Protein backbone atom coordinates (compact mmCIF):
# COMPACT_ATOMS: atom_id res chain seq x y z
CA MET A 1 26.04 -18.44 -11.95
CA ILE A 2 28.46 -15.64 -11.04
CA ASN A 3 27.28 -12.84 -8.76
CA SER A 4 28.99 -9.72 -7.42
CA GLY A 5 30.17 -11.57 -4.31
CA ASP A 6 32.19 -13.94 -6.51
CA LEU A 7 34.34 -11.26 -8.11
CA PRO A 8 36.89 -9.13 -6.23
CA GLY A 9 35.92 -5.51 -5.66
CA LEU A 10 32.38 -5.54 -7.00
CA ASP A 11 30.86 -5.62 -3.54
CA MET A 12 33.01 -2.82 -2.06
CA PRO A 13 31.54 0.66 -1.41
CA ASP A 14 31.89 3.28 -4.14
CA VAL A 15 34.03 6.12 -2.74
CA ASP A 16 36.37 8.82 -4.00
CA ALA A 17 39.05 11.03 -2.46
CA HIS A 18 36.44 13.61 -1.42
CA SER A 19 33.96 11.17 0.15
CA ASP A 20 32.74 11.60 3.70
CA LEU A 21 32.96 8.12 5.23
CA GLY A 22 31.16 9.09 8.47
CA HIS A 23 28.07 7.12 7.44
CA LEU A 24 29.91 4.09 6.06
CA GLY A 25 30.56 1.93 9.12
CA ALA A 26 32.52 -1.32 9.03
CA VAL A 27 33.35 -2.76 5.61
CA GLU A 28 33.68 -6.53 5.33
CA MET A 29 36.56 -7.81 3.21
CA HIS A 30 35.39 -10.68 0.98
CA HIS A 31 38.23 -11.30 -1.47
CA PRO A 32 41.62 -9.97 -0.31
CA THR A 33 44.17 -10.80 -3.00
CA GLN A 34 47.34 -8.89 -2.06
CA ASP A 35 49.59 -9.13 1.01
CA LEU A 36 50.60 -5.61 2.08
CA GLY A 37 51.50 -6.74 5.61
CA GLY A 38 54.27 -9.04 4.35
CA ASP A 39 53.12 -11.97 6.49
CA GLY A 40 52.04 -14.21 3.60
CA ILE A 41 48.31 -13.72 4.30
CA PRO A 42 46.23 -11.79 1.72
CA ASP A 43 44.89 -8.67 3.45
CA THR A 44 44.15 -6.19 0.67
CA GLU A 45 41.65 -5.64 -2.15
CA THR A 46 42.42 -3.14 -4.87
CA VAL A 47 39.42 -1.90 -6.80
CA GLN A 48 39.78 0.08 -10.02
CA GLY A 49 36.61 2.04 -10.69
CA PRO A 50 35.78 4.48 -13.45
CA HIS A 51 37.01 7.48 -11.41
CA SER A 52 39.46 6.12 -8.82
CA MET A 53 41.60 3.29 -7.50
CA ASP A 54 40.64 2.15 -3.98
CA VAL A 55 42.95 0.07 -1.77
CA TRP A 56 41.12 -1.61 1.16
CA THR A 57 43.34 -3.33 3.77
CA ASP A 58 42.56 -5.57 6.76
CA MET A 59 45.80 -5.40 8.77
CA ASP A 60 44.57 -7.39 11.79
CA HIS A 61 42.91 -10.15 9.71
CA ASP A 62 39.51 -9.87 11.42
CA GLY A 63 37.65 -9.65 8.10
CA ILE A 64 36.94 -5.89 8.44
CA ALA A 65 38.86 -3.21 6.50
CA ASP A 66 41.15 -1.15 8.76
CA HIS A 67 42.69 1.15 6.15
CA LEU A 68 41.47 2.71 2.91
CA THR A 69 43.49 4.69 0.40
CA VAL A 70 41.76 6.26 -2.61
CA VAL A 71 43.54 7.84 -5.58
CA ASP A 72 41.25 9.63 -8.02
CA ASN A 73 42.05 9.73 -11.73
CA ASP A 74 42.79 13.47 -11.44
CA GLY A 75 45.52 12.88 -8.79
CA ASP A 76 43.55 13.73 -5.64
CA TYR A 77 44.05 11.17 -2.86
CA SER A 78 42.82 10.46 0.65
CA ALA A 79 43.54 7.85 3.32
CA TRP A 80 41.33 6.71 6.19
CA GLU A 81 41.58 4.36 9.18
CA PHE A 82 38.67 2.55 10.79
CA HIS A 83 38.73 3.24 14.54
CA HIS A 84 37.06 1.28 17.35
CA ASN A 85 36.52 3.79 20.16
CA SER A 86 36.52 3.04 23.90
CA ASP A 87 32.87 4.12 24.18
CA GLY A 88 31.82 1.31 21.83
CA THR A 89 31.39 3.48 18.75
CA SER A 90 33.43 3.09 15.59
CA GLY A 91 34.04 5.02 12.42
CA TRP A 92 36.37 6.10 9.65
CA VAL A 93 38.89 8.87 10.37
CA ARG A 94 40.70 10.63 7.51
CA THR A 95 44.45 10.44 8.12
CA ASP A 96 45.80 12.06 4.96
CA GLN A 97 44.69 13.87 1.82
CA GLY A 98 46.21 15.85 -0.99
CA ARG A 99 47.10 15.82 -4.65
CA ILE A 100 49.85 13.75 -6.22
CA GLY A 101 52.58 16.02 -7.50
CA LYS A 102 51.84 18.92 -5.13
């Protein structure tokens, strides 16, 4: 029997370019299929949803997403990084946002 954990992207959070990721916390990468780092190790999952394309990347290969880029169907985009702070807290920080073509 196939479940959502067996198929890439179905177990990733549903976000869009305007989402507030402050509540999200760490996101475990289950099925990376692309190698954005160029080191031969899959580190990225791309999820095409009904309203956006989400690119989740684990650059340090610890199993937790470090970067997220979302491009909405209307051209809005945002990028976030997952930060581990010196006080022991962690969270997503928006690093870029805008609209493609503007």
